[in-house]
Amino acid sequence: MKLRINLTWVFCLLTTMMLAQEKIKIGIFVYPEMELQDFAGPTDVFVKANRFTDDQYELLLFSQEGKLIETEKNTVTILPKYSFKTLPEVDIILVPGTPIEVAMTLSKNEEIIRFLKKQKQKGTTMTSVCTGAYFLANAGLLDGHKFTTHYLDAVYALEQVHLVRSNYSSTLSRISFL
């Protein structure tokens, strides 16, 4: 009987917390030559999750200047609602991946680096997909942290960030949180 009461209280507490919690705001950084799958996949996960969580996630698309961007090979054009300057406070920032040659140049953009550092200083959780990790690395946000990227692109990461040892020899995951 005592176990049942404790579980009931835990359930009530969790339910109350869920109902009282505000929406989780996720800023999704869109930029030229971004890989469509690295943007669309994670975005769709939160869209689908909203079906089961009473719209718990608010997705805010933003780019450096808030202007139209075209994904890899000009496949899809996206008009973000926000820029670096107009993005409201968010809980999480997602940086999708891009072809390695784009990641190695665009991730060194000083304005992007300053923006990511400022967001992290505010306490925003940073996450990346695949080569989006290069943006976080060049902002110094991966130093001393475990992260993942595509195995073919990892050789470039070795030259750019300070790595930590891991007990894992390999991973299929291409998403990093920090």
Foldseek 3Di string as FASTA:
>chain_A
DVVVVVVVVVVVVVVVCLVPDAAAEEEEEDAAQFAPCQRVVVVVVLVVVCVVRVSSYDYFYEYQQQAWYAHRPSPDIDRGPYHLVRDDQGQEYEQEHGPLVCLVPVLLPPSLLVSVVVNVVVVHKYKYFASSVSNCLNNVNCAPHDAAHDPVNVVVVVVRHHDDDDPDPDDPGRMDID
